[in-house]
Amino acid sequence: MSLHVVQLLRGLMGLTRRLPMQRAKMHSKPPREELGTMDVAVGLTACFLCCLLPSGWVLSHLESYKKRE
């Protein structure tokens, strides 16, 4: 590499060191109430219905999508 490229890369690295870094201000606490079995079951069922059911329907009807009409 030429000397100019090396100096350019060093200059760019110096700029990135001086930029302020944004950090997420997250604080977690223990839950107020423990999740019950029914709460977990309802949550998992909702995730299944919202995410996996539509994608399964599309995959099961893939052959009809391939046909040209």
PDB file of N, CA and C in Angstrom:
ATOM      1  N   MET A   1       0.841  -1.176   0.000  1.00  0.00           N
ATOM      2  CA  MET A   1       0.000   0.000   0.000  1.00  0.00           C
ATOM      3  C   MET A   1       0.886   1.239   0.000  1.00  0.00           C
ATOM      4  N   SER A   2       0.386   2.228  -0.637  1.00  0.00           N
ATOM      5  CA  SER A   2       1.181   3.451  -0.698  1.00  0.00           C
ATOM      6  C   SER A   2       1.068   4.230   0.609  1.00  0.00           C
ATOM      7  N   LEU A   3       1.928   5.170   0.760  1.00  0.00           N
ATOM      8  CA  LEU A   3       1.976   5.985   1.963  1.00  0.00           C
ATOM      9  C   LEU A   3       0.707   6.820   2.123  1.00  0.00           C
ATOM     10  N   HIS A   4       0.142   7.272   1.011  1.00  0.00           N
ATOM     11  CA  HIS A   4      -1.073   8.084   1.070  1.00  0.00           C
ATOM     12  C   HIS A   4      -2.268   7.276   1.585  1.00  0.00           C
ATOM     13  N   VAL A   5      -2.355   6.037   1.165  1.00  0.00           N
ATOM     14  CA  VAL A   5      -3.458   5.185   1.612  1.00  0.00           C
ATOM     15  C   VAL A   5      -3.342   4.929   3.114  1.00  0.00           C
ATOM     16  N   VAL A   6      -2.139   4.677   3.580  1.00  0.00           N
ATOM     17  CA  VAL A   6      -1.911   4.432   5.001  1.00  0.00           C
ATOM     18  C   VAL A   6      -2.284   5.664   5.822  1.00  0.00           C
ATOM     19  N   GLN A   7      -1.878   6.837   5.359  1.00  0.00           N
ATOM     20  CA  GLN A   7      -2.205   8.067   6.077  1.00  0.00           C
ATOM     21  C   GLN A   7      -3.715   8.326   6.062  1.00  0.00           C
ATOM     22  N   LEU A   8      -4.357   8.030   4.950  1.00  0.00           N
ATOM     23  CA  LEU A   8      -5.805   8.205   4.857  1.00  0.00           C
ATOM     24  C   LEU A   8      -6.527   7.291   5.835  1.00  0.00           C
ATOM     25  N   LEU A   9      -6.104   6.035   5.902  1.00  0.00           N
ATOM     26  CA  LEU A   9      -6.737   5.090   6.830  1.00  0.00           C
ATOM     27  C   LEU A   9      -6.510   5.498   8.281  1.00  0.00           C
ATOM     28  N   ARG A  10      -5.323   5.982   8.598  1.00  0.00           N
ATOM     29  CA  ARG A  10      -5.048   6.449   9.965  1.00  0.00           C
ATOM     30  C   ARG A  10      -5.927   7.653  10.314  1.00  0.00           C
ATOM     31  N   GLY A  11      -6.116   8.554   9.357  1.00  0.00           N
ATOM     32  CA  GLY A  11      -6.961   9.713   9.590  1.00  0.00           C
ATOM     33  C   GLY A  11      -8.411   9.321   9.817  1.00  0.00           C
ATOM     34  N   LEU A  12      -8.883   8.354   9.037  1.00  0.00           N
ATOM     35  CA  LEU A  12     -10.263   7.891   9.216  1.00  0.00           C
ATOM     36  C   LEU A  12     -10.448   7.188  10.554  1.00  0.00           C
ATOM     37  N   MET A  13      -9.462   6.422  10.960  1.00  0.00           N
ATOM     38  CA  MET A  13      -9.554   5.741  12.255  1.00  0.00           C
ATOM     39  C   MET A  13      -9.554   6.749  13.393  1.00  0.00           C
ATOM     40  N   GLY A  14      -8.806   7.835  13.249  1.00  0.00           N
ATOM     41  CA  GLY A  14      -8.788   8.873  14.268  1.00  0.00           C
ATOM     42  C   GLY A  14     -10.136   9.559  14.391  1.00  0.00           C
ATOM     43  N   LEU A  15     -10.827   9.731  13.251  1.00  0.00           N
ATOM     44  CA  LEU A  15     -12.156  10.342  13.289  1.00  0.00           C
ATOM     45  C   LEU A  15     -13.162   9.463  14.011  1.00  0.00           C
ATOM     46  N   THR A  16     -13.070   8.179  13.813  1.00  0.00           N
ATOM     47  CA  THR A  16     -14.039   7.289  14.455  1.00  0.00           C
ATOM     48  C   THR A  16     -13.819   7.209  15.953  1.00  0.00           C
ATOM     49  N   ARG A  17     -12.601   7.407  16.407  1.00  0.00           N
ATOM     50  CA  ARG A  17     -12.336   7.370  17.843  1.00  0.00           C
ATOM     51  C   ARG A  17     -12.912   8.593  18.549  1.00  0.00           C
ATOM     52  N   ARG A  18     -12.995   9.719  17.838  1.00  0.00           N
ATOM     53  CA  ARG A  18     -13.469  10.953  18.451  1.00  0.00           C
ATOM     54  C   ARG A  18     -14.986  11.090  18.426  1.00  0.00           C
ATOM     55  N   LEU A  19     -15.679  10.258  17.641  1.00  0.00           N
ATOM     56  CA  LEU A  19     -17.137  10.351  17.569  1.00  0.00           C
ATOM     57  C   LEU A  19     -17.759   9.867  18.871  1.00  0.00           C
ATOM     58  N   PRO A  20     -18.820  10.528  19.335  1.00  0.00           N
ATOM     59  CA  PRO A  20     -19.465  10.056  20.562  1.00  0.00           C
ATOM     60  C   PRO A  20     -20.181   8.729  20.311  1.00  0.00           C
ATOM     61  N   MET A  21     -20.024   7.818  21.230  1.00  0.00           N
ATOM     62  CA  MET A  21     -20.649   6.523  21.092  1.00  0.00           C
ATOM     63  C   MET A  21     -21.996   6.527  21.800  1.00  0.00           C
ATOM     64  N   GLN A  22     -23.025   6.114  21.088  1.00  0.00           N
ATOM     65  CA  GLN A  22     -24.343   6.057  21.683  1.00  0.00           C
ATOM     66  C   GLN A  22     -24.527   4.717  22.368  1.00  0.00           C
ATOM     67  N   ARG A  23     -24.927   4.761  23.603  1.00  0.00           N
ATOM     68  CA  ARG A  23     -25.158   3.538  24.350  1.00  0.00           C
ATOM     69  C   ARG A  23     -26.608   3.495  24.792  1.00  0.00           C
ATOM     70  N   ALA A  24     -27.156   2.319  24.776  1.00  0.00           N
ATOM     71  CA  ALA A  24     -28.539   2.162  25.213  1.00  0.00           C
ATOM     72  C   ALA A  24     -28.583   2.243  26.731  1.00  0.00           C
ATOM     73  N   LYS A  25     -29.535   2.988  27.222  1.00  0.00           N
ATOM     74  CA  LYS A  25     -29.694   3.122  28.669  1.00  0.00           C
ATOM     75  C   LYS A  25     -30.808   2.177  29.107  1.00  0.00           C
ATOM     76  N   MET A  26     -30.434   0.958  29.357  1.00  0.00           N
ATOM     77  CA  MET A  26     -31.412  -0.050  29.739  1.00  0.00           C
ATOM     78  C   MET A  26     -31.140  -0.503  31.157  1.00  0.00           C
ATOM     79  N   HIS A  27     -32.166  -0.549  31.933  1.00  0.00           N
ATOM     80  CA  HIS A  27     -32.074  -1.036  33.300  1.00  0.00           C
ATOM     81  C   HIS A  27     -33.169  -2.063  33.484  1.00  0.00           C
ATOM     82  N   SER A  28     -32.820  -3.207  33.988  1.00  0.00           N
ATOM     83  CA  SER A  28     -33.835  -4.234  34.183  1.00  0.00           C
ATOM     84  C   SER A  28     -34.029  -4.491  35.664  1.00  0.00           C
ATOM     85  N   LYS A  29     -35.234  -4.861  35.981  1.00  0.00           N
ATOM     86  CA  LYS A  29     -35.591  -5.199  37.353  1.00  0.00           C
ATOM     87  C   LYS A  29     -36.228  -6.580  37.331  1.00  0.00           C
ATOM     88  N   PRO A  30     -36.280  -7.222  38.452  1.00  0.00           N
ATOM     89  CA  PRO A  30     -36.991  -8.499  38.484  1.00  0.00           C
ATOM     90  C   PRO A  30     -38.483  -8.276  38.233  1.00  0.00           C
ATOM     91  N   PRO A  31     -39.169  -9.248  37.683  1.00  0.00           N
ATOM     92  CA  PRO A  31     -40.592  -9.067  37.388  1.00  0.00           C
ATOM     93  C   PRO A  31     -41.416  -8.887  38.664  1.00  0.00           C
ATOM     94  N   ARG A  32     -42.478  -8.096  38.547  1.00  0.00           N
ATOM     95  CA  ARG A  32     -43.352  -7.884  39.702  1.00  0.00           C
ATOM     96  C   ARG A  32     -44.104  -9.161  40.049  1.00  0.00           C
ATOM     97  N   GLU A  33     -44.540  -9.881  39.005  1.00  0.00           N
ATOM     98  CA  GLU A  33     -45.268 -11.136  39.204  1.00  0.00           C
ATOM     99  C   GLU A  33     -44.606 -12.223  38.362  1.00  0.00           C
ATOM    100  N   GLU A  34     -44.598 -13.410  38.876  1.00  0.00           N
ATOM    101  CA  GLU A  34     -44.090 -14.538  38.110  1.00  0.00           C
ATOM    102  C   GLU A  34     -45.115 -14.916  37.039  1.00  0.00           C
ATOM    103  N   LEU A  35     -44.621 -15.355  35.874  1.00  0.00           N
ATOM    104  CA  LEU A  35     -45.527 -15.804  34.826  1.00  0.00           C
ATOM    105  C   LEU A  35     -46.035 -17.193  35.161  1.00  0.00           C
ATOM    106  N   GLY A  36     -47.323 -17.353  35.035  1.00  0.00           N
ATOM    107  CA  GLY A  36     -47.924 -18.650  35.296  1.00  0.00           C
ATOM    108  C   GLY A  36     -47.882 -19.532  34.063  1.00  0.00           C
ATOM    109  N   THR A  37     -48.291 -20.765  34.244  1.00  0.00           N
ATOM    110  CA  THR A  37     -48.301 -21.723  33.140  1.00  0.00           C
ATOM    111  C   THR A  37     -49.283 -21.286  32.063  1.00  0.00           C
ATOM    112  N   MET A  38     -50.425 -20.777  32.471  1.00  0.00           N
ATOM    113  CA  MET A  38     -51.425 -20.338  31.500  1.00  0.00           C
ATOM    114  C   MET A  38     -50.926 -19.132  30.700  1.00  0.00           C
ATOM    115  N   ASP A  39     -50.221 -18.216  31.349  1.00  0.00           N
ATOM    116  CA  ASP A  39     -49.666 -17.056  30.643  1.00  0.00           C
ATOM    117  C   ASP A  39     -48.668 -17.491  29.572  1.00  0.00           C
ATOM    118  N   VAL A  40     -47.818 -18.434  29.924  1.00  0.00           N
ATOM    119  CA  VAL A  40     -46.822 -18.930  28.969  1.00  0.00           C
ATOM    120  C   VAL A  40     -47.508 -19.659  27.817  1.00  0.00           C
ATOM    121  N   ALA A  41     -48.526 -20.456  28.127  1.00  0.00           N
ATOM    122  CA  ALA A  41     -49.244 -21.193  27.084  1.00  0.00           C
ATOM    123  C   ALA A  41     -49.939 -20.235  26.125  1.00  0.00           C
ATOM    124  N   VAL A  42     -50.565 -19.199  26.643  1.00  0.00           N
ATOM    125  CA  VAL A  42     -51.244 -18.227  25.777  1.00  0.00           C
ATOM    126  C   VAL A  42     -50.228 -17.498  24.914  1.00  0.00           C
ATOM    127  N   GLY A  43     -49.099 -17.117  25.467  1.00  0.00           N
ATOM    128  CA  GLY A  43     -48.065 -16.423  24.702  1.00  0.00           C
ATOM    129  C   GLY A  43     -47.490 -17.282  23.589  1.00  0.00           C
ATOM    130  N   LEU A  44     -47.190 -18.526  23.892  1.00  0.00           N
ATOM    131  CA  LEU A  44     -46.639 -19.418  22.865  1.00  0.00           C
ATOM    132  C   LEU A  44     -47.662 -19.722  21.778  1.00  0.00           C
ATOM    133  N   THR A  45     -48.926 -19.872  22.160  1.00  0.00           N
ATOM    134  CA  THR A  45     -49.977 -20.115  21.177  1.00  0.00           C
ATOM    135  C   THR A  45     -50.145 -18.909  20.261  1.00  0.00           C
ATOM    136  N   ALA A  46     -50.097 -17.715  20.824  1.00  0.00           N
ATOM    137  CA  ALA A  46     -50.212 -16.504  20.001  1.00  0.00           C
ATOM    138  C   ALA A  46     -49.043 -16.393  19.027  1.00  0.00           C
ATOM    139  N   CYS A  47     -47.838 -16.697  19.487  1.00  0.00           N
ATOM    140  CA  CYS A  47     -46.672 -16.667  18.595  1.00  0.00           C
ATOM    141  C   CYS A  47     -46.814 -17.691  17.473  1.00  0.00           C
ATOM    142  N   PHE A  48     -47.300 -18.864  17.816  1.00  0.00           N
ATOM    143  CA  PHE A  48     -47.489 -19.905  16.808  1.00  0.00           C
ATOM    144  C   PHE A  48     -48.505 -19.455  15.765  1.00  0.00           C
ATOM    145  N   LEU A  49     -49.636 -18.933  16.224  1.00  0.00           N
ATOM    146  CA  LEU A  49     -50.684 -18.537  15.288  1.00  0.00           C
ATOM    147  C   LEU A  49     -50.268 -17.371  14.403  1.00  0.00           C
ATOM    148  N   CYS A  50     -49.525 -16.431  14.954  1.00  0.00           N
ATOM    149  CA  CYS A  50     -49.144 -15.236  14.186  1.00  0.00           C
ATOM    150  C   CYS A  50     -47.984 -15.477  13.237  1.00  0.00           C
ATOM    151  N   CYS A  51     -47.057 -16.335  13.584  1.00  0.00           N
ATOM    152  CA  CYS A  51     -45.836 -16.490  12.779  1.00  0.00           C
ATOM    153  C   CYS A  51     -45.816 -17.782  11.967  1.00  0.00           C
ATOM    154  N   LEU A  52     -46.068 -18.885  12.619  1.00  0.00           N
ATOM    155  CA  LEU A  52     -45.874 -20.167  11.949  1.00  0.00           C
ATOM    156  C   LEU A  52     -47.061 -20.593  11.099  1.00  0.00           C
ATOM    157  N   LEU A  53     -48.254 -20.234  11.489  1.00  0.00           N
ATOM    158  CA  LEU A  53     -49.433 -20.664  10.737  1.00  0.00           C
ATOM    159  C   LEU A  53     -49.482 -20.059   9.331  1.00  0.00           C
ATOM    160  N   PRO A  54     -49.290 -18.743   9.153  1.00  0.00           N
ATOM    161  CA  PRO A  54     -49.299 -18.199   7.780  1.00  0.00           C
ATOM    162  C   PRO A  54     -48.188 -18.762   6.894  1.00  0.00           C
ATOM    163  N   SER A  55     -47.002 -18.915   7.451  1.00  0.00           N
ATOM    164  CA  SER A  55     -45.911 -19.445   6.626  1.00  0.00           C
ATOM    165  C   SER A  55     -46.166 -20.902   6.268  1.00  0.00           C
ATOM    166  N   GLY A  56     -46.766 -21.661   7.167  1.00  0.00           N
ATOM    167  CA  GLY A  56     -47.123 -23.041   6.844  1.00  0.00           C
ATOM    168  C   GLY A  56     -48.182 -23.118   5.767  1.00  0.00           C
ATOM    169  N   TRP A  57     -49.143 -22.195   5.799  1.00  0.00           N
ATOM    170  CA  TRP A  57     -50.194 -22.179   4.779  1.00  0.00           C
ATOM    171  C   TRP A  57     -49.594 -21.867   3.418  1.00  0.00           C
ATOM    172  N   VAL A  58     -48.673 -20.912   3.360  1.00  0.00           N
ATOM    173  CA  VAL A  58     -48.040 -20.561   2.090  1.00  0.00           C
ATOM    174  C   VAL A  58     -47.232 -21.739   1.566  1.00  0.00           C
ATOM    175  N   LEU A  59     -46.491 -22.405   2.443  1.00  0.00           N
ATOM    176  CA  LEU A  59     -45.692 -23.551   1.995  1.00  0.00           C
ATOM    177  C   LEU A  59     -46.567 -24.705   1.532  1.00  0.00           C
ATOM    178  N   SER A  60     -47.710 -24.900   2.166  1.00  0.00           N
ATOM    179  CA  SER A  60     -48.581 -26.005   1.749  1.00  0.00           C
ATOM    180  C   SER A  60     -49.281 -25.708   0.428  1.00  0.00           C
ATOM    181  N   HIS A  61     -49.444 -24.449   0.059  1.00  0.00           N
ATOM    182  CA  HIS A  61     -50.085 -24.076  -1.196  1.00  0.00           C
ATOM    183  C   HIS A  61     -49.076 -23.595  -2.233  1.00  0.00           C
ATOM    184  N   LEU A  62     -47.840 -23.985  -2.083  1.00  0.00           N
ATOM    185  CA  LEU A  62     -46.781 -23.523  -2.979  1.00  0.00           C
ATOM    186  C   LEU A  62     -46.990 -23.990  -4.412  1.00  0.00           C
ATOM    187  N   GLU A  63     -47.500 -25.198  -4.584  1.00  0.00           N
ATOM    188  CA  GLU A  63     -47.714 -25.727  -5.933  1.00  0.00           C
ATOM    189  C   GLU A  63     -48.751 -24.897  -6.690  1.00  0.00           C
ATOM    190  N   SER A  64     -49.782 -24.438  -6.012  1.00  0.00           N
ATOM    191  CA  SER A  64     -50.797 -23.631  -6.707  1.00  0.00           C
ATOM    192  C   SER A  64     -50.239 -22.265  -7.074  1.00  0.00           C
ATOM    193  N   TYR A  65     -49.258 -21.760  -6.338  1.00  0.00           N
ATOM    194  CA  TYR A  65     -48.635 -20.494  -6.690  1.00  0.00           C
ATOM    195  C   TYR A  65     -47.727 -20.635  -7.925  1.00  0.00           C
ATOM    196  N   LYS A  66     -47.192 -21.824  -8.133  1.00  0.00           N
ATOM    197  CA  LYS A  66     -46.271 -22.032  -9.250  1.00  0.00           C
ATOM    198  C   LYS A  66     -47.020 -22.109 -10.583  1.00  0.00           C
ATOM    199  N   LYS A  67     -48.309 -22.501 -10.558  1.00  0.00           N
ATOM    200  CA  LYS A  67     -49.077 -22.653 -11.796  1.00  0.00           C
ATOM    201  C   LYS A  67     -49.351 -21.279 -12.402  1.00  0.00           C
ATOM    202  N   ARG A  68     -49.226 -21.235 -13.729  1.00  0.00           N
ATOM    203  CA  ARG A  68     -49.556 -19.998 -14.446  1.00  0.00           C
ATOM    204  C   ARG A  68     -50.992 -20.123 -14.956  1.00  0.00           C
ATOM    205  N   GLU A  69     -51.776 -19.157 -14.655  1.00  0.00           N
ATOM    206  CA  GLU A  69     -53.176 -19.191 -15.101  1.00  0.00           C
ATOM    207  C   GLU A  69     -53.481 -18.034 -16.000  1.00  0.00           C
TER     208      GLU A  69
END
